[in-house]
Amino acid sequence: MVGKQRGTVRALITVLAVAGLGFSGPAAAAAGRDGTASGGDGRSPEADRLARERAVVPKGPLHFGAEAYRAVREAAEAAASTASCPISADDAAGLALAPTWPETAGSGRAPSPMTLSRYDAQPALADPQRRGGGLFFNPGVGIWQLDSAGLGARETAATAIDSVGAANRMVPYVVGKYCRARETAPDRARARAWSDWHACDRGACETIFQRLRTERVVVDPGVTRFGGAQPRTCSYEGVDHDCLYVDPRRAEGERGWTAPGYGPAPVPAPFYVFTYDQGGTAYEVRYWLKDDSGSGADVSASRELGVNARTKLTWSAEAGLCDTTADRGAC
C-alpha cells in the first residue's frame, strides 16, 4: 500500500535481510534460475489513489499491538536521545505511529503485522502461468507497509511482518527524516518525514499525530509480534532455513484487508517466506505448498533483495520444501 519504500524468524533473519546477506546453498530455482520471469510494471496510480482515499481514521480509540507498541516506545526513547534536533520521546513515537492507521487500519483497530497490500494488482505480481488464484506476490507488507519499491526493498515479508524489528528500524528512520527537515516549520518537517507513505499525502498522518498528543493508545495484547504468522524451520534441498508461515486467515488485529472485495489484488494463499544467499546475492523466496494454493505443484516466487517486485520476479514449479516444525511438505 506504500510504495515510495523471529527474537524468532529469529533476529538473525532480520540482520540478513537488511544487510543483504543470507544462507548459503540454495537451490537454483529459488535463486531465480530455471523459472518464468514476470515484471515490467511500475507503480499503480489506482493504488496510490486508494491509499489516499482510505486514509481518514474516524474519531475513537486508537488500538495497537502490545509487543509492537512497546518496541516503538523503546525505540523512540533511544531515537530522541540521539536525534540531531530537539524532539521528545513522545513525539518520536507519534511520528512513527502516525502512518500506521491511515495505511493499514482505517477503523482505528490495531494494525495487523501480517497486513499484505491489496491495492497493487499489476500483472507482474501474479504467477504468469496462472497455476492458482492465490499465487500473488503482494509487495507492501506489515504495519508500516514496507514495499519493495521503497522502504522494503531490502526487507522480506518475514522481516516486514516482524513488528518489533520493523519498529526498531522505522522509528529512527522517521525521526532522522524529521530532523533533516527542521529548517522548515514543524508540520512541514513531519510531512517530509512521512513522504514515503501515500496515505499521509493529504494530512491524515498529521491528524493522527495531533490526536496522539492528547489520546492514549489502547494496547492490544491479542495482536502479537508476528500478527498471527508463525515462525517455523524449513528444510529446502538439504539446507535448514528460518522461515515464516503466513496464512491470512490467521491474521490478528485489523482484518479488513483479508476481505475478498477490499482491493483489486487477490488475498494470497498461505505461503512460507525465507531468505538466502546465492553467490553473494540475497533473495527473498515466497513458497506455496500445493496443499495451500490448490495448484498442481508447489510454486515459488523469488525476488533479489533491492529489486522492486513489480520489476522482476521469478516463478518456479517446486517440490523440495519441508516445514520441519509442522511436518508438512516434502518431509
Protein backbone atom coordinates (compact mmCIF):
# COMPACT_ATOMS: atom_id res chain seq x y z
CA MET A 1 0.00 0.00 0.00
CA VAL A 2 3.04 2.21 0.31
CA GLY A 3 5.46 2.22 -2.50
CA LYS A 4 7.55 5.24 -2.24
CA GLN A 5 9.56 2.34 0.06
CA ARG A 6 11.95 -14.03 14.52
CA GLY A 7 13.94 -12.91 18.77
CA THR A 8 12.43 -15.51 16.48
CA VAL A 9 12.10 -15.65 12.43
CA ARG A 10 14.95 -15.23 14.54
CA ALA A 11 16.69 -11.90 14.96
CA LEU A 12 19.20 -13.42 12.54
CA ILE A 13 16.80 -13.28 9.60
CA THR A 14 16.31 -9.54 10.08
CA VAL A 15 20.04 -8.90 10.07
CA LEU A 16 20.49 -10.98 6.97
CA ALA A 17 17.78 -9.24 5.01
CA VAL A 18 18.80 -5.72 5.93
CA ALA A 19 22.49 -6.37 5.35
CA GLY A 20 21.81 -8.12 2.08
CA LEU A 21 23.33 -11.35 3.34
CA GLY A 22 21.72 -14.76 3.82
CA PHE A 23 22.04 -18.50 3.93
CA SER A 24 24.32 -20.44 1.64
CA GLY A 25 23.50 -23.38 -0.56
CA PRO A 26 20.03 -22.63 -2.00
CA ALA A 27 18.53 -24.32 -5.00
CA ALA A 28 18.96 -22.70 -8.38
CA ALA A 29 15.21 -22.36 -8.93
CA ALA A 30 14.75 -20.32 -5.78
CA ALA A 31 17.66 -18.11 -6.84
CA GLY A 32 15.78 -17.05 -9.90
CA ARG A 33 17.02 -19.64 -12.36
CA ASP A 34 15.08 -22.14 -14.45
CA GLY A 35 11.82 -20.34 -13.79
CA THR A 36 9.44 -17.97 -15.55
CA ALA A 37 10.06 -14.28 -15.12
CA SER A 38 7.40 -11.66 -14.54
CA GLY A 39 7.95 -7.93 -14.37
CA GLY A 40 7.95 -4.71 -16.30
CA ASP A 41 5.30 -2.88 -14.28
CA GLY A 42 5.69 0.31 -12.28
CA ARG A 43 3.62 1.98 -9.60
CA SER A 44 -0.13 1.94 -9.96
CA PRO A 45 -1.90 5.32 -9.85
CA GLU A 46 -5.02 3.46 -8.73
CA ALA A 47 -3.12 2.02 -5.75
CA ASP A 48 -1.95 5.49 -4.76
CA ARG A 49 -5.49 6.87 -5.10
CA LEU A 50 -6.94 4.14 -2.87
CA ALA A 51 -4.27 4.77 -0.24
CA ARG A 52 -5.20 8.45 -0.09
CA GLU A 53 -8.95 7.93 -0.15
CA ARG A 54 -8.93 5.36 2.67
CA ALA A 55 -6.50 7.25 4.91
CA VAL A 56 -9.03 9.08 7.10
CA VAL A 57 -9.42 7.42 10.51
CA PRO A 58 -12.67 8.24 12.35
CA LYS A 59 -12.66 9.56 15.89
CA GLY A 60 -12.48 6.89 18.57
CA PRO A 61 -9.86 4.83 20.38
CA LEU A 62 -6.65 4.02 18.53
CA HIS A 63 -5.50 0.45 19.22
CA PHE A 64 -2.03 -1.03 18.72
CA GLY A 65 -0.47 -4.44 19.36
CA ALA A 66 1.24 -4.71 22.73
CA GLU A 67 4.61 -6.06 21.62
CA ALA A 68 4.91 -3.65 18.73
CA TYR A 69 3.86 -0.68 20.86
CA ARG A 70 6.45 -1.48 23.49
CA ALA A 71 9.09 -1.69 20.76
CA VAL A 72 8.01 1.67 19.33
CA ARG A 73 8.21 3.34 22.74
CA GLU A 74 11.65 1.89 23.48
CA ALA A 75 12.97 2.84 20.07
CA ALA A 76 11.53 6.34 20.45
CA GLU A 77 13.36 6.85 23.74
CA ALA A 78 16.61 5.86 22.05
CA ALA A 79 15.99 7.90 18.92
CA ALA A 80 15.04 11.05 20.85
CA SER A 81 18.17 10.83 22.98
CA THR A 82 20.46 10.73 19.94
CA ALA A 83 18.48 12.87 17.48
CA SER A 84 20.20 15.72 15.68
CA CYS A 85 17.31 18.06 16.57
CA PRO A 86 15.21 18.60 19.70
CA ILE A 87 12.39 16.05 19.89
CA SER A 88 10.67 14.34 22.79
CA ALA A 89 10.28 10.58 23.05
CA ASP A 90 6.50 11.04 22.84
CA ASP A 91 6.78 12.94 19.58
CA ALA A 92 9.29 10.45 18.21
CA ALA A 93 6.81 7.66 18.93
CA GLY A 94 3.99 9.70 17.42
CA LEU A 95 5.95 10.28 14.23
CA ALA A 96 6.42 6.54 13.76
CA LEU A 97 2.90 5.53 14.78
CA ALA A 98 1.02 8.14 12.77
CA PRO A 99 1.22 6.47 9.32
CA THR A 100 0.18 3.03 10.55
CA TRP A 101 -3.57 3.53 10.99
CA PRO A 102 -4.07 5.50 7.75
CA GLU A 103 -2.05 2.88 5.87
CA THR A 104 -3.44 -0.34 7.30
CA ALA A 105 -6.23 0.18 9.86
CA GLY A 106 -8.62 2.96 8.99
CA SER A 107 -11.02 1.59 11.60
CA GLY A 108 -8.65 2.52 14.43
CA ARG A 109 -8.24 -1.14 15.35
CA ALA A 110 -4.73 -2.44 15.92
CA PRO A 111 -2.84 -2.62 12.62
CA SER A 112 -2.05 -6.24 11.81
CA PRO A 113 1.67 -7.04 11.47
CA MET A 114 0.61 -9.54 8.80
CA THR A 115 -1.03 -6.92 6.58
CA LEU A 116 -0.41 -7.59 2.88
CA SER A 117 -1.10 -4.86 0.35
CA ARG A 118 -4.28 -5.23 -1.69
CA TYR A 119 -4.11 -2.10 -3.83
CA ASP A 120 -1.36 -3.14 -6.27
CA ALA A 121 -2.86 -5.55 -8.82
CA GLN A 122 -0.26 -5.32 -11.59
CA PRO A 123 0.03 -8.49 -13.72
CA ALA A 124 3.77 -8.59 -12.95
CA LEU A 125 2.96 -9.58 -9.36
CA ALA A 126 0.97 -12.69 -10.33
CA ASP A 127 2.14 -16.13 -11.39
CA PRO A 128 2.46 -15.78 -15.17
CA GLN A 129 1.41 -19.41 -15.64
CA ARG A 130 -1.76 -18.86 -13.57
CA ARG A 131 -1.39 -22.08 -11.62
CA GLY A 132 -3.59 -20.75 -8.81
CA GLY A 133 -5.52 -17.61 -7.94
CA GLY A 134 -3.67 -17.20 -4.64
CA LEU A 135 -0.22 -17.19 -6.25
CA PHE A 136 0.32 -13.48 -5.89
CA PHE A 137 3.30 -11.51 -4.57
CA ASN A 138 1.80 -8.66 -2.53
CA PRO A 139 4.56 -6.01 -2.47
CA GLY A 140 3.65 -3.98 0.63
CA VAL A 141 3.91 -5.83 3.95
CA GLY A 142 3.42 -5.19 7.63
CA ILE A 143 2.25 -2.40 9.92
CA TRP A 144 4.34 0.14 8.02
CA GLN A 145 3.58 -1.41 4.62
CA LEU A 146 7.25 -1.82 3.73
CA ASP A 147 7.19 -2.06 -0.05
CA SER A 148 9.85 -3.49 -2.35
CA ALA A 149 9.62 -0.28 -4.39
CA GLY A 150 10.98 1.77 -1.48
CA LEU A 151 11.40 1.22 2.25
CA GLY A 152 11.01 -2.55 1.88
CA ALA A 153 13.50 -3.01 -0.95
CA ARG A 154 15.89 -4.93 1.30
CA GLU A 155 13.20 -6.41 3.53
CA THR A 156 11.42 -9.74 3.12
CA ALA A 157 7.83 -10.48 4.07
CA ALA A 158 9.27 -12.09 7.22
CA THR A 159 11.25 -9.05 8.37
CA ALA A 160 8.45 -6.63 7.47
CA ILE A 161 5.88 -8.71 9.39
CA ASP A 162 8.17 -8.82 12.44
CA SER A 163 6.66 -5.76 14.08
CA VAL A 164 9.36 -5.45 16.73
CA GLY A 165 12.17 -5.49 14.21
CA ALA A 166 10.27 -3.14 11.91
CA ALA A 167 9.65 -0.69 14.76
CA ASN A 168 13.34 -0.65 15.58
CA ARG A 169 14.06 0.42 12.01
CA MET A 170 11.14 2.74 11.33
CA VAL A 171 11.36 4.90 14.47
CA PRO A 172 14.93 6.17 13.89
CA TYR A 173 14.19 6.43 10.18
CA VAL A 174 11.29 8.88 10.53
CA VAL A 175 13.00 10.80 13.33
CA GLY A 176 16.06 11.20 11.11
CA LYS A 177 13.96 12.49 8.21
CA TYR A 178 12.15 14.89 10.52
CA CYS A 179 15.36 16.33 11.89
CA ARG A 180 16.87 16.78 8.44
CA ALA A 181 13.84 18.88 7.51
CA ARG A 182 13.73 21.00 10.67
CA GLU A 183 14.81 24.15 8.86
CA THR A 184 11.13 24.32 7.91
CA ALA A 185 8.07 24.61 10.16
CA PRO A 186 7.43 21.54 12.37
CA ASP A 187 4.32 20.47 10.46
CA ARG A 188 6.23 20.62 7.16
CA ALA A 189 9.10 18.66 8.67
CA ARG A 190 6.64 15.99 9.78
CA ALA A 191 5.13 15.88 6.30
CA ARG A 192 8.59 15.22 4.88
CA ALA A 193 9.18 12.51 7.47
CA TRP A 194 6.01 10.78 6.20
CA SER A 195 6.62 11.31 2.48
CA ASP A 196 7.19 7.57 1.91
CA TRP A 197 3.51 6.85 2.67
CA HIS A 198 0.82 7.93 0.22
CA ALA A 199 -1.80 7.66 2.96
CA CYS A 200 -0.13 10.71 4.51
CA ASP A 201 -0.36 12.85 1.36
CA ARG A 202 -3.49 14.76 2.40
CA GLY A 203 -2.86 15.31 6.10
CA ALA A 204 -4.26 12.10 7.60
CA CYS A 205 -0.99 11.37 9.42
CA GLU A 206 -0.75 14.89 10.84
CA THR A 207 -4.27 14.42 12.20
CA ILE A 208 -3.27 11.17 13.89
CA PHE A 209 -0.09 12.75 15.24
CA GLN A 210 -2.07 15.54 16.88
CA ARG A 211 -4.57 13.03 18.31
CA LEU A 212 -1.72 11.05 19.84
CA ARG A 213 -0.64 14.15 21.77
CA THR A 214 -3.88 14.07 23.76
CA GLU A 215 -5.20 10.50 23.41
CA ARG A 216 -3.78 7.35 24.92
CA VAL A 217 -3.17 4.38 22.65
CA VAL A 218 -5.20 1.32 23.65
CA VAL A 219 -2.69 -1.53 23.85
CA ASP A 220 -4.00 -4.83 22.49
CA PRO A 221 -2.23 -7.94 23.88
CA GLY A 222 -4.13 -10.09 21.38
CA VAL A 223 -2.07 -8.71 18.49
CA THR A 224 1.29 -10.39 18.79
CA ARG A 225 4.69 -9.65 17.31
CA PHE A 226 4.06 -11.52 14.05
CA GLY A 227 0.34 -10.82 13.85
CA GLY A 228 -0.63 -14.47 13.52
CA ALA A 229 2.19 -15.51 11.20
CA GLN A 230 4.13 -18.46 12.60
CA PRO A 231 7.93 -18.83 12.88
CA ARG A 232 8.96 -22.22 11.53
CA THR A 233 12.06 -24.11 10.35
CA CYS A 234 12.02 -25.08 6.69
CA SER A 235 14.32 -27.61 5.06
CA TYR A 236 14.91 -26.81 1.41
CA GLU A 237 17.13 -29.13 -0.63
CA GLY A 238 19.12 -30.20 2.41
CA VAL A 239 19.54 -26.75 3.96
CA ASP A 240 17.61 -25.59 7.04
CA HIS A 241 16.21 -22.06 6.96
CA ASP A 242 14.40 -19.91 9.47
CA CYS A 243 11.07 -19.28 7.75
CA LEU A 244 7.74 -17.68 8.49
CA TYR A 245 4.39 -19.27 7.61
CA VAL A 246 1.95 -16.58 6.55
CA ASP A 247 -1.74 -17.52 6.47
CA PRO A 248 -4.06 -14.53 6.06
CA ARG A 249 -6.88 -16.50 7.73
CA ARG A 250 -4.88 -16.29 10.99
CA ALA A 251 -4.29 -12.54 10.90
CA GLU A 252 -4.53 -10.71 14.23
CA GLY A 253 -5.73 -7.14 14.58
CA GLU A 254 -7.38 -5.29 11.71
CA ARG A 255 -8.61 -7.89 9.22
CA GLY A 256 -10.33 -5.69 6.66
CA TRP A 257 -7.52 -6.29 4.19
CA THR A 258 -8.37 -10.04 4.15
CA ALA A 259 -11.86 -9.47 2.71
CA PRO A 260 -12.10 -10.53 -0.95
CA GLY A 261 -13.50 -7.19 -2.06
CA TYR A 262 -11.13 -4.96 -0.08
CA GLY A 263 -8.90 -4.22 -3.03
CA PRO A 264 -8.21 -5.17 -6.64
CA ALA A 265 -5.34 -7.51 -5.74
CA PRO A 266 -6.11 -11.03 -4.52
CA VAL A 267 -5.65 -12.32 -0.99
CA PRO A 268 -2.66 -14.66 -1.37
CA ALA A 269 -2.83 -18.33 -0.49
CA PRO A 270 -0.84 -19.23 2.65
CA PHE A 271 2.89 -19.20 1.94
CA TYR A 272 6.30 -19.64 3.53
CA VAL A 273 8.94 -16.93 3.26
CA PHE A 274 12.67 -17.24 3.81
CA THR A 275 15.91 -15.53 2.84
CA TYR A 276 19.11 -17.00 1.47
CA ASP A 277 22.28 -16.18 -0.41
CA GLN A 278 23.35 -17.40 -3.84
CA GLY A 279 26.87 -16.45 -4.84
CA GLY A 280 26.80 -13.34 -2.67
CA THR A 281 23.34 -12.22 -3.84
CA ALA A 282 20.47 -12.33 -1.34
CA TYR A 283 16.96 -13.36 -2.31
CA GLU A 284 13.52 -13.35 -0.75
CA VAL A 285 11.57 -16.52 -1.54
CA ARG A 286 7.85 -16.92 -1.06
CA TYR A 287 6.89 -20.59 -1.35
CA TRP A 288 3.41 -22.02 -1.75
CA LEU A 289 2.79 -25.69 -0.97
CA LYS A 290 0.31 -27.19 -3.40
CA ASP A 291 -1.93 -28.18 -0.49
CA ASP A 292 -2.22 -24.50 0.39
CA SER A 293 -2.60 -23.00 -3.06
CA GLY A 294 -4.62 -25.69 -4.82
CA SER A 295 -2.06 -25.72 -7.60
CA GLY A 296 -0.89 -28.98 -9.13
CA ALA A 297 2.62 -28.41 -7.77
CA ASP A 298 4.46 -26.34 -5.21
CA VAL A 299 5.35 -22.91 -6.59
CA SER A 300 7.94 -20.36 -5.51
CA ALA A 301 8.42 -16.70 -6.38
CA SER A 302 11.85 -15.20 -5.79
CA ARG A 303 12.99 -11.60 -5.66
CA GLU A 304 16.53 -10.34 -5.41
CA LEU A 305 16.73 -8.04 -2.40
CA GLY A 306 16.91 -4.45 -3.53
CA VAL A 307 14.75 -5.11 -6.59
CA ASN A 308 11.18 -3.86 -6.92
CA ALA A 309 8.87 -6.90 -7.17
CA ARG A 310 6.95 -5.15 -9.91
CA THR A 311 10.12 -5.03 -11.97
CA LYS A 312 11.26 -8.63 -11.69
CA LEU A 313 10.11 -11.85 -10.04
CA THR A 314 10.96 -15.42 -10.97
CA TRP A 315 8.26 -18.08 -10.62
CA SER A 316 9.19 -21.78 -10.48
CA ALA A 317 7.45 -25.13 -10.06
CA GLU A 318 8.91 -26.73 -6.93
CA ALA A 319 8.80 -29.93 -4.89
CA GLY A 320 11.52 -29.54 -2.29
CA LEU A 321 10.38 -27.71 0.87
CA CYS A 322 9.67 -29.41 4.19
CA ASP A 323 8.25 -27.49 7.12
CA THR A 324 10.12 -29.47 9.78
CA THR A 325 8.25 -27.69 12.58
CA ALA A 326 4.80 -28.84 11.41
CA ASP A 327 5.93 -31.85 9.32
CA ARG A 328 4.37 -30.52 6.13
CA GLY A 329 5.51 -30.61 2.56
CA ALA A 330 8.34 -32.79 1.18
CA CYS A 331 9.33 -34.28 4.55
